[in-house]
C-alpha atoms as a PDB file:
ATOM      1  CA  UNK A   1      -3.917  -2.878   1.616  1.00  0.00           C
ATOM      2  CA  UNK A   2      -1.401  -3.464  -0.773  1.00  0.00           C
ATOM      3  CA  UNK A   3       0.990  -6.668   0.214  1.00  0.00           C
ATOM      4  CA  UNK A   4       3.591  -7.385  -2.862  1.00  0.00           C
ATOM      5  CA  UNK A   5       4.179 -11.115  -3.890  1.00  0.00           C
ATOM      6  CA  UNK A   6       7.723 -12.215  -3.454  1.00  0.00           C
ATOM      7  CA  UNK A   7       7.933 -12.731  -6.765  1.00  0.00           C
ATOM      8  CA  UNK A   8       7.157  -9.264  -7.749  1.00  0.00           C
ATOM      9  CA  UNK A   9       9.676  -7.918  -4.708  1.00  0.00           C
ATOM     10  CA  UNK A  10      12.371  -9.405  -6.938  1.00  0.00           C
ATOM     11  CA  UNK A  11      11.486  -8.220 -10.432  1.00  0.00           C
ATOM     12  CA  UNK A  12      10.808  -4.870  -8.703  1.00  0.00           C
ATOM     13  CA  UNK A  13      14.492  -5.113  -6.555  1.00  0.00           C
ATOM     14  CA  UNK A  14      12.050  -4.339  -3.636  1.00  0.00           C
ATOM     15  CA  UNK A  15      14.247  -4.661  -0.028  1.00  0.00           C
ATOM     16  CA  UNK A  16      11.526  -4.404   2.179  1.00  0.00           C
ATOM     17  CA  UNK A  17       7.715  -5.740   3.460  1.00  0.00           C
ATOM     18  CA  UNK A  18       5.344  -4.116   1.047  1.00  0.00           C
ATOM     19  CA  UNK A  19       2.549  -3.629   3.222  1.00  0.00           C
ATOM     20  CA  UNK A  20       0.294  -0.222   3.115  1.00  0.00           C
ATOM     21  CA  UNK A  21      -3.195   0.539   4.008  1.00  0.00           C
ATOM     22  CA  UNK A  22      -4.495   2.569   1.234  1.00  0.00           C
ATOM     23  CA  UNK A  23      -7.537   3.622   2.866  1.00  0.00           C
ATOM     24  CA  UNK A  24      -8.875   2.751   6.586  1.00  0.00           C
ATOM     25  CA  UNK A  25     -12.413   3.771   7.968  1.00  0.00           C
ATOM     26  CA  UNK A  26     -13.199   3.517  11.767  1.00  0.00           C
ATOM     27  CA  UNK A  27     -16.535   3.667  12.732  1.00  0.00           C
ATOM     28  CA  UNK A  28     -16.397   6.174  15.861  1.00  0.00           C
ATOM     29  CA  UNK A  29     -18.496   6.193  19.337  1.00  0.00           C
ATOM     30  CA  UNK A  30     -20.858   8.575  17.897  1.00  0.00           C
ATOM     31  CA  UNK A  31     -21.474   6.599  15.050  1.00  0.00           C
ATOM     32  CA  UNK A  32     -19.717   8.639  12.296  1.00  0.00           C
ATOM     33  CA  UNK A  33     -17.306   7.137  10.026  1.00  0.00           C
ATOM     34  CA  UNK A  34     -13.719   8.496   9.959  1.00  0.00           C
ATOM     35  CA  UNK A  35     -12.346   7.355   6.708  1.00  0.00           C
ATOM     36  CA  UNK A  36      -8.348   8.029   6.316  1.00  0.00           C
ATOM     37  CA  UNK A  37      -6.652   8.136   2.897  1.00  0.00           C
ATOM     38  CA  UNK A  38      -2.688   8.003   2.238  1.00  0.00           C
ATOM     39  CA  UNK A  39      -1.342   7.608  -0.782  1.00  0.00           C
ATOM     40  CA  UNK A  40       1.663   5.036  -1.453  1.00  0.00           C
ATOM     41  CA  UNK A  41       4.946   5.396  -0.816  1.00  0.00           C
ATOM     42  CA  UNK A  42       7.563   6.919  -3.571  1.00  0.00           C
ATOM     43  CA  UNK A  43       9.299   3.585  -3.571  1.00  0.00           C
ATOM     44  CA  UNK A  44       5.875   1.749  -3.607  1.00  0.00           C
ATOM     45  CA  UNK A  45       5.415   3.756  -6.365  1.00  0.00           C
ATOM     46  CA  UNK A  46       8.378   3.235  -8.066  1.00  0.00           C
ATOM     47  CA  UNK A  47       8.454  -0.599  -7.749  1.00  0.00           C
ATOM     48  CA  UNK A  48       4.248  -0.660  -9.065  1.00  0.00           C
ATOM     49  CA  UNK A  49       5.987   1.212 -12.166  1.00  0.00           C
ATOM     50  CA  UNK A  50       8.703  -1.823 -12.608  1.00  0.00           C
ATOM     51  CA  UNK A  51       6.345  -4.359 -12.248  1.00  0.00           C
ATOM     52  CA  UNK A  52       3.518  -2.858 -14.781  1.00  0.00           C
ATOM     53  CA  UNK A  53       6.380  -3.612 -17.260  1.00  0.00           C
END
């Protein structure tokens, strides 16, 4: 999970809450694990690049 601190939000000029579950694992009733991976939204990627400068 990615949660951007307020100081970083200002530096990145980010206007919304920055909360994203990159990976999620769920144990199914059958016992198998279901893993879901989601890339960061494009605006997240841009904000991360600004913060890392």
